[in-house]
Amino acid sequence: MAALKYAGLEDTDSEEELPPGWEERTTKDGWVYYANHLEEKTQWEHPKSGKRKRVAGDLPYGWEQETDENGQVYFVDHINKRTTYLDPRLAFTVEDNPVKPTTRQKYDGNSTAMEILQGRDLSGKVVIITGANSGIGFETAKSLALRGACVILACRSVARGDDAVQRILGEWHKAKVEAMTLDLASLRSVQHFAEAFKSKNLPLHILICNAAVFGAPWSLTEDGLESTFQVNHLGHFYLVQLLEDVLRQSSPARVVVVSSESHRFTEINDSSGKLDFSLLSPSKKEYWAMLAYNRSKLCNILFSNELNRRLSPHGVTSNSVHPGNMICSSIHRNWWVYTLLFTLARPFTKSM
């Protein structure tokens, strides 16, 4: 070693050499993590250098990525007819420097959830996300789980929720994810969900009200309310009320309400400027799907603003967010015309 250093050929790989019992692995998204087989735990940082890495580029020609029955990613070399758990791109990793808490970083329309969460360890945080089996909800759940959070996917369909859990476990088999039944079109279901969550005696640090319907035909829920209004707003309103005590006890905590810029294209006042409650849950004759969606999104924002005013003194913040024009979600599924329009617009919008 001394001779190499003297000759200017110091062994630069020693810092990257893994200690005995450690293994280098990758997620489906190409993020490198390290498995400590001696202590049976994983971490994002290299055990010696403390650096975070991700693989660069596509798989070599003839290679394919698969997942085994335990959710572990492995690689198939079809040319040489062999399989391996080592990503062939590991020799071409690039450093992924963690973001310091004091550093202000700018993001744009091309930023991914994993990039925004870069350098953040969410171990010990408990998150509930409604509508987390697809679209924005699923990508959010996956990203938070891969950063160490315990994520509960609150889904109307048990089968689709369980499928989403398996997809996340396919990225990292030790992710802490669970699907629970929540049908926002039923206030009874909302109550049962809140009771079931409280029975786990877990804290709640982040509640993301994401689930929504768009372009749905007029229908009434079992509670006698127009379905778009109840699913998009009232169900979430009731859920937050039922979990408010847990949020306060878990402070600092936050509520995130996924709204939309479309809230600007409606109003909920009558001609005299007074709040008209009949507009929120209209009759079939007065119903227009787009207006119903816009009004529900306006309710989201008004609710979030008032919630923040009331709970922020107790360590619970609330923010509403416009996710951008994400056509890749499945929110357009209720009418083929919307599906066609979304498909045509997809090349000009943000993807997930």
Protein backbone atom coordinates (compact mmCIF):
# COMPACT_ATOMS: atom_id res chain seq x y z
CA MET A 1 0.00 0.00 0.00
CA ALA A 2 2.83 2.40 0.88
CA ALA A 3 4.55 1.68 -2.44
CA LEU A 4 1.32 2.28 -4.34
CA LYS A 5 0.77 5.56 -2.52
CA TYR A 6 4.34 6.65 -3.20
CA ALA A 7 3.90 5.84 -6.89
CA GLY A 8 0.66 7.83 -7.04
CA LEU A 9 -1.36 4.64 -7.47
CA GLU A 10 -3.05 4.52 -4.08
CA ASP A 11 -5.80 1.90 -3.83
CA THR A 12 -8.86 4.09 -4.35
CA ASP A 13 -11.30 1.17 -4.10
CA SER A 14 -10.68 0.47 -0.42
CA GLU A 15 -13.35 2.96 0.66
CA GLU A 16 -15.90 1.20 -1.55
CA GLU A 17 -15.02 -2.31 -0.40
CA LEU A 18 -17.83 -3.79 1.67
CA PRO A 19 -17.16 -5.20 5.15
CA PRO A 20 -17.63 -8.96 5.67
CA GLY A 21 -21.29 -9.97 5.76
CA TRP A 22 -22.49 -7.03 3.65
CA GLU A 23 -24.07 -7.17 0.19
CA GLU A 24 -24.84 -4.48 -2.38
CA ARG A 25 -28.30 -4.59 -3.98
CA THR A 26 -30.58 -2.41 -6.09
CA THR A 27 -34.28 -1.60 -6.16
CA LYS A 28 -36.36 -1.75 -9.33
CA ASP A 29 -35.90 2.01 -9.64
CA GLY A 30 -32.12 1.65 -9.64
CA TRP A 31 -31.42 2.91 -6.11
CA VAL A 32 -28.53 1.09 -4.43
CA TYR A 33 -28.94 -0.19 -0.88
CA TYR A 34 -26.82 -2.35 1.39
CA ALA A 35 -27.82 -5.54 3.22
CA ASN A 36 -26.10 -6.41 6.50
CA HIS A 37 -26.60 -10.18 6.78
CA LEU A 38 -24.98 -10.32 10.22
CA GLU A 39 -27.53 -7.97 11.81
CA GLU A 40 -30.30 -8.66 9.26
CA LYS A 41 -30.94 -5.05 8.34
CA THR A 42 -30.60 -2.79 5.31
CA GLN A 43 -29.59 0.81 4.76
CA TRP A 44 -29.19 3.29 1.91
CA GLU A 45 -25.70 4.52 2.90
CA HIS A 46 -22.49 2.63 2.08
CA PRO A 47 -21.28 1.18 5.43
CA LYS A 48 -17.78 2.66 4.95
CA SER A 49 -18.07 5.80 2.85
CA GLY A 50 -21.57 6.81 3.94
CA LYS A 51 -22.38 7.64 0.31
CA ARG A 52 -25.67 6.94 -1.42
CA LYS A 53 -25.68 5.67 -4.98
CA ARG A 54 -27.90 4.78 -7.88
CA VAL A 55 -27.17 2.86 -11.04
CA ALA A 56 -26.90 4.76 -14.30
CA GLY A 57 -28.29 3.79 -17.68
CA ASP A 58 -30.30 0.86 -18.96
CA LEU A 59 -29.53 -2.82 -18.52
CA PRO A 60 -27.04 -4.28 -21.02
CA TYR A 61 -28.40 -5.93 -24.15
CA GLY A 62 -29.90 -9.34 -23.41
CA TRP A 63 -30.48 -8.65 -19.71
CA GLU A 64 -33.87 -8.54 -17.98
CA GLN A 65 -34.97 -7.61 -14.47
CA GLU A 66 -37.29 -9.96 -12.54
CA THR A 67 -38.60 -10.42 -8.99
CA ASP A 68 -38.51 -13.70 -7.05
CA GLU A 69 -41.19 -15.11 -4.73
CA ASN A 70 -39.67 -13.21 -1.78
CA GLY A 71 -39.89 -9.87 -3.56
CA GLN A 72 -36.14 -9.74 -4.19
CA VAL A 73 -34.97 -8.23 -7.49
CA TYR A 74 -32.75 -10.47 -9.64
CA PHE A 75 -31.35 -10.26 -13.17
CA VAL A 76 -31.52 -12.68 -16.10
CA ASP A 77 -28.74 -12.83 -18.69
CA HIS A 78 -30.53 -14.39 -21.66
CA ILE A 79 -27.40 -14.50 -23.81
CA ASN A 80 -25.32 -16.55 -21.36
CA LYS A 81 -28.41 -18.23 -19.85
CA ARG A 82 -27.72 -17.40 -16.21
CA THR A 83 -29.29 -15.43 -13.36
CA THR A 84 -27.78 -13.28 -10.64
CA TYR A 85 -28.89 -11.02 -7.82
CA LEU A 86 -26.13 -8.55 -8.69
CA ASP A 87 -27.20 -5.68 -10.93
CA PRO A 88 -24.79 -5.68 -13.91
CA ARG A 89 -24.84 -1.87 -13.80
CA LEU A 90 -23.34 -1.69 -10.29
CA ALA A 91 -19.95 -1.00 -11.84
CA PHE A 92 -21.40 2.21 -13.27
CA THR A 93 -23.10 3.74 -10.24
CA VAL A 94 -23.24 7.48 -9.71
CA GLU A 95 -23.06 9.15 -6.34
CA ASP A 96 -26.32 10.33 -4.85
CA ASN A 97 -25.43 13.04 -2.36
CA PRO A 98 -27.96 13.44 0.47
CA VAL A 99 -29.61 16.82 0.72
CA LYS A 100 -28.67 18.66 3.89
CA PRO A 101 -31.67 19.91 5.87
CA THR A 102 -30.45 23.50 5.58
CA THR A 103 -30.05 23.33 1.82
CA ARG A 104 -32.79 24.84 -0.32
CA GLN A 105 -33.24 22.83 -3.46
CA LYS A 106 -35.38 23.71 -6.44
CA TYR A 107 -37.64 21.20 -8.11
CA ASP A 108 -39.49 21.41 -11.38
CA GLY A 109 -42.09 19.49 -13.36
CA ASN A 110 -39.59 16.74 -14.14
CA SER A 111 -38.68 16.01 -10.51
CA THR A 112 -39.67 12.56 -9.26
CA ALA A 113 -40.88 11.67 -5.78
CA MET A 114 -37.65 9.79 -5.09
CA GLU A 115 -35.60 12.87 -6.03
CA ILE A 116 -37.62 15.08 -3.71
CA LEU A 117 -37.21 12.59 -0.85
CA GLN A 118 -33.51 12.16 -1.57
CA GLY A 119 -31.45 12.10 1.60
CA ARG A 120 -34.44 11.87 3.93
CA ASP A 121 -34.78 9.02 6.40
CA LEU A 122 -38.45 8.46 7.29
CA SER A 123 -37.87 5.53 9.63
CA GLY A 124 -40.37 5.62 12.49
CA LYS A 125 -42.88 7.77 10.60
CA VAL A 126 -46.41 6.42 10.09
CA VAL A 127 -48.31 7.50 6.99
CA ILE A 128 -51.88 6.94 5.78
CA ILE A 129 -52.62 7.52 2.08
CA THR A 130 -56.14 7.21 0.69
CA GLY A 131 -56.54 5.82 -2.82
CA ALA A 132 -53.01 4.44 -2.70
CA ASN A 133 -53.43 1.44 -4.99
CA SER A 134 -52.83 3.39 -8.22
CA GLY A 135 -51.71 6.68 -9.73
CA ILE A 136 -50.42 9.47 -7.52
CA GLY A 137 -51.37 7.62 -4.35
CA PHE A 138 -49.37 4.52 -5.26
CA GLU A 139 -46.26 6.43 -6.32
CA THR A 140 -46.41 8.45 -3.10
CA ALA A 141 -46.84 5.31 -0.99
CA LYS A 142 -43.96 3.55 -2.74
CA SER A 143 -41.59 6.50 -2.42
CA LEU A 144 -42.30 7.01 1.29
CA ALA A 145 -42.01 3.28 2.02
CA LEU A 146 -38.65 3.07 0.23
CA ARG A 147 -37.45 5.87 2.50
CA GLY A 148 -38.31 3.84 5.59
CA ALA A 149 -41.80 5.06 6.52
CA CYS A 150 -44.54 2.71 7.69
CA VAL A 151 -47.23 3.28 5.06
CA ILE A 152 -50.89 2.26 5.26
CA LEU A 153 -52.65 2.11 1.92
CA ALA A 154 -56.30 3.01 2.53
CA CYS A 155 -58.13 1.50 -0.45
CA ARG A 156 -61.73 0.76 -1.37
CA SER A 157 -60.76 -2.54 -3.02
CA VAL A 158 -58.96 -5.02 -0.77
CA ALA A 159 -57.64 -6.97 -3.77
CA ARG A 160 -56.16 -3.89 -5.47
CA GLY A 161 -54.74 -2.68 -2.16
CA ASP A 162 -53.02 -6.02 -1.55
CA ASP A 163 -51.68 -6.00 -5.11
CA ALA A 164 -50.20 -2.52 -4.54
CA VAL A 165 -48.54 -3.77 -1.34
CA GLN A 166 -46.93 -6.65 -3.24
CA ARG A 167 -45.63 -4.28 -5.92
CA ILE A 168 -43.95 -2.13 -3.26
CA LEU A 169 -42.49 -5.20 -1.55
CA GLY A 170 -41.14 -6.16 -4.96
CA GLU A 171 -39.04 -2.99 -4.80
CA TRP A 172 -37.84 -3.67 -1.25
CA HIS A 173 -38.95 -6.80 0.56
CA LYS A 174 -38.54 -5.19 4.00
CA ALA A 175 -40.76 -2.21 3.26
CA LYS A 176 -43.35 -1.57 5.97
CA VAL A 177 -46.59 -1.43 4.01
CA GLU A 178 -50.12 -2.59 4.73
CA ALA A 179 -53.46 -2.27 2.95
CA MET A 180 -56.62 -1.42 4.89
CA THR A 181 -60.19 -1.10 3.63
CA LEU A 182 -61.60 2.41 3.29
CA ASP A 183 -64.62 3.32 1.16
CA LEU A 184 -65.06 7.09 1.26
CA ALA A 185 -68.54 6.70 -0.24
CA SER A 186 -69.61 5.19 3.08
CA LEU A 187 -69.33 7.18 6.31
CA ARG A 188 -69.72 3.89 8.16
CA SER A 189 -66.64 2.53 6.34
CA VAL A 190 -64.71 5.68 7.25
CA GLN A 191 -65.61 5.18 10.90
CA HIS A 192 -64.62 1.49 10.81
CA PHE A 193 -61.29 2.38 9.21
CA ALA A 194 -60.52 4.97 11.89
CA GLU A 195 -61.41 2.51 14.64
CA ALA A 196 -59.28 -0.23 13.07
CA PHE A 197 -56.31 2.12 12.76
CA LYS A 198 -56.62 3.33 16.35
CA SER A 199 -56.70 -0.27 17.56
CA LYS A 200 -53.13 -0.64 16.27
CA ASN A 201 -51.96 1.96 18.82
CA LEU A 202 -49.74 3.62 16.23
CA PRO A 203 -48.88 7.31 15.92
CA LEU A 204 -49.89 9.17 12.76
CA HIS A 205 -47.39 11.63 11.38
CA ILE A 206 -48.70 12.12 7.84
CA LEU A 207 -52.25 11.80 6.50
CA ILE A 208 -52.53 12.24 2.72
CA CYS A 209 -56.09 12.70 1.47
CA ASN A 210 -55.55 11.64 -2.12
CA ALA A 211 -58.48 9.47 -3.27
CA ALA A 212 -60.91 11.05 -5.73
CA VAL A 213 -63.39 10.36 -8.50
CA PHE A 214 -63.69 12.41 -11.67
CA GLY A 215 -66.33 12.51 -14.37
CA ALA A 216 -68.53 10.03 -12.52
CA PRO A 217 -72.23 9.77 -13.46
CA TRP A 218 -74.70 11.08 -10.89
CA SER A 219 -75.39 8.72 -8.03
CA LEU A 220 -76.16 8.87 -4.34
CA THR A 221 -74.08 7.17 -1.69
CA GLU A 222 -75.59 5.01 1.04
CA ASP A 223 -75.59 8.19 3.13
CA GLY A 224 -77.87 9.95 0.62
CA LEU A 225 -75.24 12.38 -0.70
CA GLU A 226 -73.95 12.96 -4.23
CA SER A 227 -71.00 10.58 -4.67
CA THR A 228 -68.37 12.98 -6.07
CA PHE A 229 -68.88 15.41 -3.19
CA GLN A 230 -68.72 12.67 -0.55
CA VAL A 231 -65.76 10.73 -1.96
CA ASN A 232 -63.61 13.74 -2.82
CA HIS A 233 -64.38 15.93 0.18
CA LEU A 234 -66.82 14.87 2.88
CA GLY A 235 -65.33 11.39 3.41
CA HIS A 236 -61.88 12.92 3.93
CA PHE A 237 -63.34 15.63 6.17
CA TYR A 238 -64.86 12.95 8.40
CA LEU A 239 -61.68 10.86 8.35
CA VAL A 240 -59.57 13.79 9.56
CA GLN A 241 -62.09 14.53 12.31
CA LEU A 242 -61.93 10.93 13.55
CA LEU A 243 -58.11 10.88 13.51
CA GLU A 244 -57.54 14.40 14.81
CA ASP A 245 -56.68 13.23 18.32
CA VAL A 246 -54.04 10.82 16.99
CA LEU A 247 -52.53 13.55 14.81
CA ARG A 248 -52.29 15.90 17.79
CA GLN A 249 -50.68 13.24 19.96
CA SER A 250 -48.16 12.51 17.17
CA SER A 251 -47.14 16.13 16.56
CA PRO A 252 -45.32 17.38 14.66
CA ALA A 253 -47.73 15.92 12.11
CA ARG A 254 -49.27 17.02 8.87
CA VAL A 255 -52.31 16.60 6.65
CA VAL A 256 -51.92 16.88 2.88
CA VAL A 257 -55.07 17.32 0.80
CA VAL A 258 -54.68 16.64 -2.92
CA SER A 259 -56.77 19.28 -4.67
CA SER A 260 -56.65 20.72 -8.19
CA GLU A 261 -56.31 23.96 -10.11
CA SER A 262 -59.81 23.23 -11.40
CA HIS A 263 -61.15 24.66 -8.13
CA ARG A 264 -60.81 28.07 -9.80
CA PHE A 265 -63.52 27.29 -12.33
CA THR A 266 -66.51 27.12 -10.03
CA GLU A 267 -68.15 28.71 -7.02
CA ILE A 268 -70.40 27.55 -4.22
CA ASN A 269 -72.29 30.78 -3.60
CA ASP A 270 -75.75 31.74 -4.82
CA SER A 271 -76.55 34.90 -6.76
CA SER A 272 -76.60 36.95 -3.54
CA GLY A 273 -73.11 35.78 -2.56
CA LYS A 274 -74.23 33.44 0.22
CA LEU A 275 -73.07 29.85 0.53
CA ASP A 276 -75.49 27.56 -1.30
CA PHE A 277 -75.26 24.09 0.23
CA SER A 278 -77.53 22.63 -2.45
CA LEU A 279 -74.70 23.11 -4.96
CA LEU A 280 -72.47 20.71 -3.02
CA SER A 281 -74.79 17.72 -3.33
CA PRO A 282 -77.01 18.56 -6.33
CA SER A 283 -79.97 16.64 -7.66
CA LYS A 284 -79.65 14.57 -10.81
CA LYS A 285 -81.29 17.34 -12.82
CA GLU A 286 -78.76 19.94 -11.62
CA TYR A 287 -75.72 17.66 -11.85
CA TRP A 288 -72.76 18.17 -14.17
CA ALA A 289 -69.78 15.91 -13.54
CA MET A 290 -67.08 18.50 -14.22
CA LEU A 291 -68.68 21.12 -11.98
CA ALA A 292 -69.17 18.55 -9.22
CA TYR A 293 -65.46 17.71 -9.37
CA ASN A 294 -64.43 21.38 -9.38
CA ARG A 295 -66.64 22.15 -6.38
CA SER A 296 -65.25 19.21 -4.44
CA LYS A 297 -61.71 20.47 -5.09
CA LEU A 298 -62.70 23.95 -3.89
CA CYS A 299 -64.06 22.34 -0.72
CA ASN A 300 -60.71 20.56 -0.30
CA ILE A 301 -58.84 23.87 -0.25
CA LEU A 302 -61.26 25.66 2.06
CA PHE A 303 -61.17 22.69 4.41
CA SER A 304 -57.36 22.48 4.41
CA ASN A 305 -56.98 26.20 5.08
CA GLU A 306 -59.36 26.13 8.04
CA LEU A 307 -57.85 22.90 9.37
CA ASN A 308 -54.40 24.49 9.34
CA ARG A 309 -55.73 27.55 11.18
CA ARG A 310 -57.22 25.38 13.92
CA LEU A 311 -54.56 22.70 14.33
CA SER A 312 -51.25 24.42 13.54
CA PRO A 313 -51.06 25.81 17.12
CA HIS A 314 -51.14 22.17 18.24
CA GLY A 315 -48.29 21.03 15.98
CA VAL A 316 -50.42 19.74 13.09
CA THR A 317 -50.15 21.53 9.76
CA SER A 318 -52.42 21.15 6.75
CA ASN A 319 -51.69 21.99 3.13
CA SER A 320 -53.61 21.50 -0.09
CA VAL A 321 -51.64 20.72 -3.23
CA HIS A 322 -52.19 20.78 -6.97
CA PRO A 323 -50.24 17.75 -8.26
CA GLY A 324 -49.86 19.09 -11.78
CA ASN A 325 -51.30 17.73 -14.98
CA MET A 326 -50.66 14.04 -14.33
CA ILE A 327 -52.54 12.30 -17.08
CA CYS A 328 -50.96 8.94 -16.19
CA SER A 329 -53.35 8.50 -13.27
CA SER A 330 -56.56 6.49 -13.66
CA ILE A 331 -58.91 9.28 -12.57
CA HIS A 332 -60.40 9.52 -16.07
CA ARG A 333 -61.74 5.94 -16.02
CA ASN A 334 -65.44 6.83 -15.66
CA TRP A 335 -66.07 7.97 -19.26
CA TRP A 336 -64.41 6.96 -22.51
CA VAL A 337 -64.42 10.58 -23.75
CA TYR A 338 -62.25 11.64 -20.80
CA THR A 339 -59.98 8.66 -21.42
CA LEU A 340 -59.54 9.72 -25.06
CA LEU A 341 -58.82 13.35 -24.12
CA PHE A 342 -56.35 12.31 -21.43
CA THR A 343 -54.59 9.98 -23.87
CA LEU A 344 -54.19 12.75 -26.45
CA ALA A 345 -52.89 15.17 -23.81
CA ARG A 346 -50.49 12.69 -22.17
CA PRO A 347 -47.35 13.64 -24.19
CA PHE A 348 -47.67 17.23 -22.96
CA THR A 349 -48.12 16.51 -19.26
CA LYS A 350 -46.10 15.30 -16.29
CA SER A 351 -45.61 11.55 -15.95
CA MET A 352 -45.09 9.49 -12.79
